[in-house]
Amino acid sequence: MIRFHIANMNCGGCAKGVAAALREADPHAEPRFDLDRREVALDAPATATERLSAALLRDGWEAKLLPA
């Protein structure tokens, strides 16, 4: 599982944008959100971390990788 803290994600609309960025990088991504903690988690291999992180940053999301 890969988890990110998204500092500028604070509503359902933001979550949709984050989901779109993740699905652009991995069409099979099924992100799970915790808006109170501003976190997103998804089942993906560790090798996908850099690609997913880059997609989030490219779309303007302040993503920080969290420990699994």
C-alpha atoms as a PDB file:
ATOM      1  CA  MET A   1       0.000   0.000   0.000  1.00  0.00           C
ATOM      2  CA  ILE A   2       1.175   3.516  -0.825  1.00  0.00           C
ATOM      3  CA  ARG A   3       0.029   6.458   1.302  1.00  0.00           C
ATOM      4  CA  PHE A   4       0.394  10.184   0.723  1.00  0.00           C
ATOM      5  CA  HIS A   5      -0.378  13.206   2.861  1.00  0.00           C
ATOM      6  CA  ILE A   6      -1.834  15.883   0.566  1.00  0.00           C
ATOM      7  CA  ALA A   7      -1.482  19.216   2.381  1.00  0.00           C
ATOM      8  CA  ASN A   8      -3.779  21.133   0.023  1.00  0.00           C
ATOM      9  CA  MET A   9      -6.587  18.512  -0.155  1.00  0.00           C
ATOM     10  CA  ASN A  10      -9.459  19.528   2.091  1.00  0.00           C
ATOM     11  CA  CYS A  11     -12.752  18.658   0.385  1.00  0.00           C
ATOM     12  CA  GLY A  12     -14.474  16.141  -1.839  1.00  0.00           C
ATOM     13  CA  GLY A  13     -13.708  18.210  -4.921  1.00  0.00           C
ATOM     14  CA  CYS A  14     -10.031  18.111  -4.058  1.00  0.00           C
ATOM     15  CA  ALA A  15     -10.258  14.336  -3.598  1.00  0.00           C
ATOM     16  CA  LYS A  16     -11.690  14.038  -7.115  1.00  0.00           C
ATOM     17  CA  GLY A  17      -8.725  15.982  -8.470  1.00  0.00           C
ATOM     18  CA  VAL A  18      -6.262  13.810  -6.558  1.00  0.00           C
ATOM     19  CA  ALA A  19      -8.027  10.675  -7.806  1.00  0.00           C
ATOM     20  CA  ALA A  20      -7.829  11.942 -11.391  1.00  0.00           C
ATOM     21  CA  ALA A  21      -4.087  12.573 -11.078  1.00  0.00           C
ATOM     22  CA  LEU A  22      -3.507   9.114  -9.608  1.00  0.00           C
ATOM     23  CA  ARG A  23      -5.628   7.401 -12.272  1.00  0.00           C
ATOM     24  CA  GLU A  24      -3.746   9.259 -14.987  1.00  0.00           C
ATOM     25  CA  ALA A  25      -0.543   7.688 -13.676  1.00  0.00           C
ATOM     26  CA  ASP A  26      -2.197   4.308 -12.995  1.00  0.00           C
ATOM     27  CA  PRO A  27      -5.564   3.648 -14.677  1.00  0.00           C
ATOM     28  CA  HIS A  28      -6.279   0.814 -12.223  1.00  0.00           C
ATOM     29  CA  ALA A  29      -5.774   2.971  -9.122  1.00  0.00           C
ATOM     30  CA  GLU A  30      -8.564   2.879  -6.568  1.00  0.00           C
ATOM     31  CA  PRO A  31      -7.637   5.560  -4.042  1.00  0.00           C
ATOM     32  CA  ARG A  32      -9.141   5.631  -0.542  1.00  0.00           C
ATOM     33  CA  PHE A  33      -9.384   9.003   1.162  1.00  0.00           C
ATOM     34  CA  ASP A  34      -9.285  10.255   4.730  1.00  0.00           C
ATOM     35  CA  LEU A  35     -10.115  13.931   4.301  1.00  0.00           C
ATOM     36  CA  ASP A  36      -9.809  14.705   8.010  1.00  0.00           C
ATOM     37  CA  ARG A  37      -6.173  13.584   7.922  1.00  0.00           C
ATOM     38  CA  ARG A  38      -5.656  14.785   4.315  1.00  0.00           C
ATOM     39  CA  GLU A  39      -4.416  11.359   3.313  1.00  0.00           C
ATOM     40  CA  VAL A  40      -4.892   9.089   0.343  1.00  0.00           C
ATOM     41  CA  ALA A  41      -3.969   5.409   0.202  1.00  0.00           C
ATOM     42  CA  LEU A  42      -3.961   2.969  -2.674  1.00  0.00           C
ATOM     43  CA  ASP A  43      -2.828  -0.551  -3.348  1.00  0.00           C
ATOM     44  CA  ALA A  44       0.058  -0.325  -5.756  1.00  0.00           C
ATOM     45  CA  PRO A  45       3.555  -1.772  -5.920  1.00  0.00           C
ATOM     46  CA  ALA A  46       6.321   0.263  -4.322  1.00  0.00           C
ATOM     47  CA  THR A  47       7.843   0.633  -7.786  1.00  0.00           C
ATOM     48  CA  ALA A  48       4.899   2.912  -8.703  1.00  0.00           C
ATOM     49  CA  THR A  49       5.591   5.403  -5.901  1.00  0.00           C
ATOM     50  CA  GLU A  50       7.739   7.772  -7.939  1.00  0.00           C
ATOM     51  CA  ARG A  51       5.320   7.792 -10.886  1.00  0.00           C
ATOM     52  CA  LEU A  52       2.315   8.464  -8.635  1.00  0.00           C
ATOM     53  CA  SER A  53       4.126  11.145  -6.674  1.00  0.00           C
ATOM     54  CA  ALA A  54       5.215  12.886  -9.876  1.00  0.00           C
ATOM     55  CA  ALA A  55       1.637  12.860 -11.201  1.00  0.00           C
ATOM     56  CA  LEU A  56       0.347  14.459  -7.996  1.00  0.00           C
ATOM     57  CA  LEU A  57       3.021  17.148  -7.978  1.00  0.00           C
ATOM     58  CA  ARG A  58       2.535  17.868 -11.689  1.00  0.00           C
ATOM     59  CA  ASP A  59      -1.162  18.558 -11.017  1.00  0.00           C
ATOM     60  CA  GLY A  60      -0.363  20.899  -8.119  1.00  0.00           C
ATOM     61  CA  TRP A  61      -0.970  18.601  -5.153  1.00  0.00           C
ATOM     62  CA  GLU A  62       1.433  18.993  -2.228  1.00  0.00           C
ATOM     63  CA  ALA A  63       2.087  15.286  -1.776  1.00  0.00           C
ATOM     64  CA  LYS A  64       4.317  13.771   0.869  1.00  0.00           C
ATOM     65  CA  LEU A  65       4.904  10.019   0.932  1.00  0.00           C
ATOM     66  CA  LEU A  66       3.925   8.423   4.254  1.00  0.00           C
ATOM     67  CA  PRO A  67       5.348   5.225   5.724  1.00  0.00           C
ATOM     68  CA  ALA A  68       3.319   2.131   4.902  1.00  0.00           C
END
